[in-house]
Amino acid sequence: MLTPKGYCQIYQIENYLLTEIASDFEGQVSEWIAQMEQYIERETKRIFIAGTTASVKKYEIEDVSSITIGEYRKTNRELYIDDCVEIIELTINGDVIDPTDYLTYPMNDLPITRIRLTAESGLEFTEGEQNISVKAKWGYSIACPSDISFACMIFTVGVINYSGDMEGEIKSESIGSYTVSFKDDKDWQDFERAKEILQNYKALRI
């Protein structure tokens, strides 16, 4: 059984449905929440609650040292990385880089997506096969963004609706390997909004 990361909570679903979920049904709802979290992560290629334990990812860059723009030689001082909330250690060719020798971007915001070696360090990211290691706490944010929480809740509500007996005119749609159902126009509008939220968060991979 999957354990939810916390993108949304059962009480939010209860508030939306204006009904209390039976205690013996909460385990199933938690499973659906976890499944919708996985769907959101697959669709956006992002993890919205960063892990509390750091892990290592490998990177490599293309050599651009021979490229010149006007009188200036292009340098390998920048590295784009996956979303993270904290960098613990940067290693190039097995050498640990002093944190004072690099800056992270965007400034004063999360997630961190770029590392830039300072000009004063005299360092560059060198060409090689997976020769750059970044140890970090990977993820888009420390706490799930409120709009992603909303989207997770709406998708889970749709799965709950599909699993039950709804009377009247029902609209259903597949999202990944799941089917969601809604009856009211407002609920369907909320579902369309949830899909738009995911589109806005989709990561661009270079």
Protein backbone atom coordinates (compact mmCIF):
# COMPACT_ATOMS: atom_id res chain seq x y z
CA MET A 1 0.00 0.00 0.00
CA LEU A 2 1.32 3.43 -0.95
CA THR A 3 1.89 6.10 1.69
CA PRO A 4 0.92 9.66 0.72
CA LYS A 5 3.62 12.32 0.82
CA GLY A 6 1.16 14.98 1.92
CA TYR A 7 0.13 16.79 -1.28
CA CYS A 8 -3.39 16.94 0.16
CA GLN A 9 -5.16 15.77 3.29
CA ILE A 10 -8.33 13.79 3.90
CA TYR A 11 -9.94 16.72 5.73
CA GLN A 12 -9.60 18.85 2.55
CA ILE A 13 -11.46 16.18 0.59
CA GLU A 14 -14.15 16.02 3.28
CA ASN A 15 -14.54 19.81 3.18
CA TYR A 16 -14.88 19.75 -0.60
CA LEU A 17 -17.40 16.91 -0.61
CA LEU A 18 -19.22 18.34 2.43
CA THR A 19 -19.26 14.88 3.97
CA GLU A 20 -17.23 12.90 6.46
CA ILE A 21 -15.24 9.95 5.18
CA ALA A 22 -15.84 6.80 7.22
CA SER A 23 -12.82 5.75 9.27
CA ASP A 24 -12.74 2.29 7.68
CA PHE A 25 -12.60 3.95 4.22
CA GLU A 26 -9.76 6.37 5.03
CA GLY A 27 -7.09 3.79 4.13
CA GLN A 28 -8.47 3.51 0.60
CA VAL A 29 -8.68 7.29 0.24
CA SER A 30 -5.06 7.60 1.41
CA GLU A 31 -4.08 5.07 -1.27
CA TRP A 32 -5.85 7.14 -3.93
CA ILE A 33 -4.16 10.32 -2.70
CA ALA A 34 -0.77 8.60 -3.07
CA GLN A 35 -1.70 7.42 -6.57
CA MET A 36 -2.72 10.94 -7.58
CA GLU A 37 0.58 12.25 -6.18
CA GLN A 38 2.40 9.83 -8.47
CA TYR A 39 0.24 10.92 -11.41
CA ILE A 40 1.06 14.59 -10.72
CA GLU A 41 4.79 13.82 -10.50
CA ARG A 42 4.75 11.87 -13.76
CA GLU A 43 2.83 14.59 -15.58
CA THR A 44 4.96 17.49 -14.34
CA LYS A 45 8.25 15.59 -13.92
CA ARG A 46 8.53 17.30 -10.54
CA ILE A 47 8.47 16.26 -6.89
CA PHE A 48 6.60 18.86 -4.87
CA ILE A 49 7.71 17.92 -1.36
CA ALA A 50 11.48 17.59 -1.19
CA GLY A 51 13.03 14.69 0.66
CA THR A 52 14.56 15.39 4.05
CA THR A 53 17.56 13.17 3.25
CA ALA A 54 20.13 14.29 0.66
CA SER A 55 21.14 12.02 -2.21
CA VAL A 56 23.57 12.25 -5.13
CA LYS A 57 22.79 12.86 -8.80
CA LYS A 58 25.35 12.73 -11.59
CA TYR A 59 25.74 15.29 -14.36
CA GLU A 60 28.00 16.02 -17.31
CA ILE A 61 28.43 18.98 -19.64
CA GLU A 62 29.39 19.61 -23.24
CA ASP A 63 32.77 21.22 -23.75
CA VAL A 64 32.27 24.81 -24.94
CA SER A 65 35.76 26.13 -24.23
CA SER A 66 36.49 26.51 -27.95
CA ILE A 67 33.45 28.72 -28.56
CA THR A 68 34.08 32.46 -28.70
CA ILE A 69 31.60 35.31 -28.82
CA GLY A 70 33.35 38.39 -30.10
CA GLU A 71 36.52 38.66 -28.03
CA TYR A 72 35.19 36.52 -25.22
CA ARG A 73 35.67 32.79 -24.75
CA LYS A 74 32.56 30.95 -23.62
CA THR A 75 33.17 29.21 -20.28
CA ASN A 76 31.75 26.17 -18.54
CA ARG A 77 30.88 27.88 -15.29
CA GLU A 78 27.16 27.06 -15.24
CA LEU A 79 25.36 23.79 -14.60
CA TYR A 80 21.60 23.25 -14.80
CA ILE A 81 20.33 20.67 -12.32
CA ASP A 82 17.06 19.07 -11.26
CA ASP A 83 14.87 20.93 -8.77
CA CYS A 84 16.28 20.96 -5.24
CA VAL A 85 15.80 22.94 -2.04
CA GLU A 86 19.33 22.63 -0.65
CA ILE A 87 22.74 21.66 -2.03
CA ILE A 88 24.88 19.75 0.42
CA GLU A 89 27.95 19.08 -1.72
CA LEU A 90 29.26 19.72 -5.23
CA THR A 91 32.00 17.53 -6.66
CA ILE A 92 33.85 17.88 -9.98
CA ASN A 93 36.12 15.03 -11.07
CA GLY A 94 36.11 13.71 -7.51
CA ASP A 95 37.15 17.05 -5.95
CA VAL A 96 34.77 18.62 -3.46
CA ILE A 97 34.14 22.28 -4.31
CA ASP A 98 34.14 24.81 -1.49
CA PRO A 99 30.63 26.33 -1.11
CA THR A 100 32.17 29.81 -1.34
CA ASP A 101 33.29 28.99 -4.90
CA TYR A 102 29.78 28.67 -6.33
CA LEU A 103 26.41 30.42 -6.31
CA THR A 104 22.92 28.97 -6.69
CA TYR A 105 20.01 30.33 -8.73
CA PRO A 106 17.39 31.66 -8.81
CA MET A 107 18.47 34.08 -6.13
CA ASN A 108 16.40 34.11 -2.94
CA ASP A 109 13.92 31.57 -4.24
CA LEU A 110 13.22 27.86 -4.57
CA PRO A 111 13.65 25.51 -6.26
CA ILE A 112 17.37 25.77 -7.00
CA THR A 113 17.87 24.86 -10.66
CA ARG A 114 21.30 26.24 -11.53
CA ILE A 115 24.81 26.30 -10.10
CA ARG A 116 27.32 28.92 -11.19
CA LEU A 117 31.01 28.75 -10.32
CA THR A 118 32.29 32.18 -9.30
CA ALA A 119 34.76 34.02 -11.50
CA GLU A 120 37.06 34.41 -8.49
CA SER A 121 37.29 30.64 -8.01
CA GLY A 122 38.93 30.14 -11.42
CA LEU A 123 37.01 26.84 -11.68
CA GLU A 124 35.02 25.40 -14.56
CA PHE A 125 32.83 22.37 -15.05
CA THR A 126 35.02 20.10 -17.16
CA GLU A 127 33.91 17.79 -19.91
CA GLY A 128 33.63 14.13 -18.93
CA GLU A 129 31.26 11.24 -18.48
CA GLN A 130 29.08 11.79 -15.40
CA ASN A 131 32.04 13.49 -13.72
CA ILE A 132 29.96 16.04 -11.79
CA SER A 133 28.16 14.99 -8.61
CA VAL A 134 25.56 17.05 -6.77
CA LYS A 135 24.41 15.93 -3.34
CA ALA A 136 21.17 17.70 -2.53
CA LYS A 137 17.69 17.52 -1.10
CA TRP A 138 15.78 17.04 -4.34
CA GLY A 139 12.34 18.48 -4.93
CA TYR A 140 10.44 21.58 -5.98
CA SER A 141 9.63 22.90 -2.51
CA ILE A 142 9.71 22.13 1.19
CA ALA A 143 5.91 22.32 1.54
CA CYS A 144 3.53 21.44 -1.28
CA PRO A 145 2.33 24.53 -3.20
CA SER A 146 -1.30 25.29 -2.46
CA ASP A 147 -2.44 24.99 -6.08
CA ILE A 148 -0.80 21.57 -6.46
CA SER A 149 -2.55 20.56 -3.23
CA PHE A 150 -5.83 21.71 -4.78
CA ALA A 151 -5.17 19.71 -7.94
CA CYS A 152 -4.34 16.56 -5.96
CA MET A 153 -7.54 16.97 -3.96
CA ILE A 154 -9.69 17.39 -7.08
CA PHE A 155 -8.18 14.36 -8.80
CA THR A 156 -8.72 12.26 -5.67
CA VAL A 157 -12.32 13.45 -5.40
CA GLY A 158 -12.82 12.42 -9.03
CA VAL A 159 -11.51 8.92 -8.31
CA ILE A 160 -13.79 8.66 -5.26
CA ASN A 161 -16.75 9.74 -7.38
CA TYR A 162 -15.93 7.16 -10.06
CA SER A 163 -15.73 4.38 -7.48
CA GLY A 164 -19.17 5.19 -6.07
CA ASP A 165 -22.71 5.25 -7.36
CA MET A 166 -23.58 8.70 -8.65
CA GLU A 167 -27.02 9.43 -9.99
CA GLY A 168 -27.89 11.75 -12.84
CA GLU A 169 -25.78 12.97 -15.74
CA ILE A 170 -22.14 12.13 -15.03
CA LYS A 171 -19.03 13.24 -16.89
CA SER A 172 -15.98 10.99 -16.77
CA GLU A 173 -12.45 11.31 -18.12
CA SER A 174 -9.27 9.28 -17.97
CA ILE A 175 -6.15 10.75 -16.40
CA GLY A 176 -3.23 8.41 -16.93
CA SER A 177 -4.43 4.93 -15.94
CA TYR A 178 -7.22 6.31 -13.73
CA THR A 179 -10.76 7.50 -14.41
CA VAL A 180 -12.38 10.43 -12.64
CA SER A 181 -16.04 11.42 -12.58
CA PHE A 182 -17.87 14.66 -11.80
CA LYS A 183 -21.51 15.67 -11.86
CA ASP A 184 -21.84 19.40 -11.15
CA ASP A 185 -20.56 22.01 -13.60
CA LYS A 186 -18.58 23.65 -10.80
CA ASP A 187 -16.80 20.37 -10.02
CA TRP A 188 -16.00 19.87 -13.68
CA GLN A 189 -14.64 23.42 -13.90
CA ASP A 190 -12.46 22.69 -10.88
CA PHE A 191 -11.18 19.57 -12.66
CA GLU A 192 -10.30 21.60 -15.76
CA ARG A 193 -8.51 24.11 -13.52
CA ALA A 194 -6.56 21.27 -11.86
CA LYS A 195 -5.35 20.06 -15.26
CA GLU A 196 -4.25 23.60 -16.15
CA ILE A 197 -2.30 23.82 -12.90
CA LEU A 198 -0.30 20.74 -13.88
CA GLN A 199 0.41 22.20 -17.31
CA ASN A 200 1.79 25.36 -15.69
CA TYR A 201 4.17 23.34 -13.52
CA LYS A 202 5.55 21.02 -16.20
CA ALA A 203 9.33 21.00 -16.08
CA LEU A 204 11.35 21.75 -19.20
CA ARG A 205 14.24 19.32 -19.47
CA ILE A 206 17.33 20.42 -21.40
